[in-house]
Amino acid sequence: MSQPINEISKIPASEILTPFSPSKIFPNVNEADSDGLIGVGGMLQPDWLVDAFVHGIFPWPFEYEYNNGKVKTILGWFSVDPRCIFEFDRFYISRRLVRTCRSGRFQITADTDFHGVISGCAKAHQSKGTWITPEMINAYTELHRLGFGHSIEVRRNGCLVGGIYGTAIQGFFEAESMFHLERDASKVALVALAGHLKKQGYTLFDIQVINDHTASLGAIEIPRTEYLQRLHSALQKNVQFGKLVDKTEYYNNRIL
């Protein structure tokens, strides 16, 4: 069992925050199968989650169908290879998206409604058998309470219409999911998050797996070995998420 989260936060980062020290919970990531699965079961609690993130692992519940036809949701832990990230100097913003960001159509905030954002993400993916289970919502909400979980909210006329949430540890940020109820709301949230992370000094912006949407914004895949090296470097940075400031500077260039 790993140390309680309140004890972890008191230990200097250089002593424990590296993927190259043995995990107290998980096997070595090199033991992951071809899908990146490294283990199943366990607990969705802060010390498990922080240990996982520090070692390049993330939780991803999935549905498993037994021979009798019954379907059960299983908590899986993954370290995929390759890993998908955003490079800040390759984050691409289309001209149309720049116009949307600058239009004033949306109001953007940070950490004002974490539960609303993660719940919105869960509902948005519900038809696909969402991996954002009630247990995941509770676990990440607790990470938010402890200062690790963060959200970007996008509102229009005071109503939450999009957002993105994730986890920050030192100079590392892992985006988990985003949603939109109006066109471009999630993209605006992602642009605001990327600009904010760059401004604050984060060096690793992890999005786990690539898809057509993130690829269109400049996401790339890197080998797990390179990812772990970059994760180690990011975890040595003393970075704070801080407050979201004037966003217009993020849109001055189509590449951040």
Foldseek 3Di string as FASTA:
>chain_A
DDDPPVVVVVDALVVPQALPDDQPPFDQQVCAPQAFWGDWDDALAVVVQSSQVSNQKHWFWDWDADPVGDIDIIITIGRHFFFKFAFQQQQFADPVLLCVLPVPQKDKFKPPCLLVWLVQQCVQCVVVPGRCDPRNSVSLVVQVVVQFKMKMFIDGPPHTFKIWIWGDAQLETETEGMHGNDPCRHVSRVLLQSVLSVVQPRGTYGDGDDDPVSVVRRMDIDGSVVVSVSSRVRNNHHTHSDTRDDRNVSSPDSRD
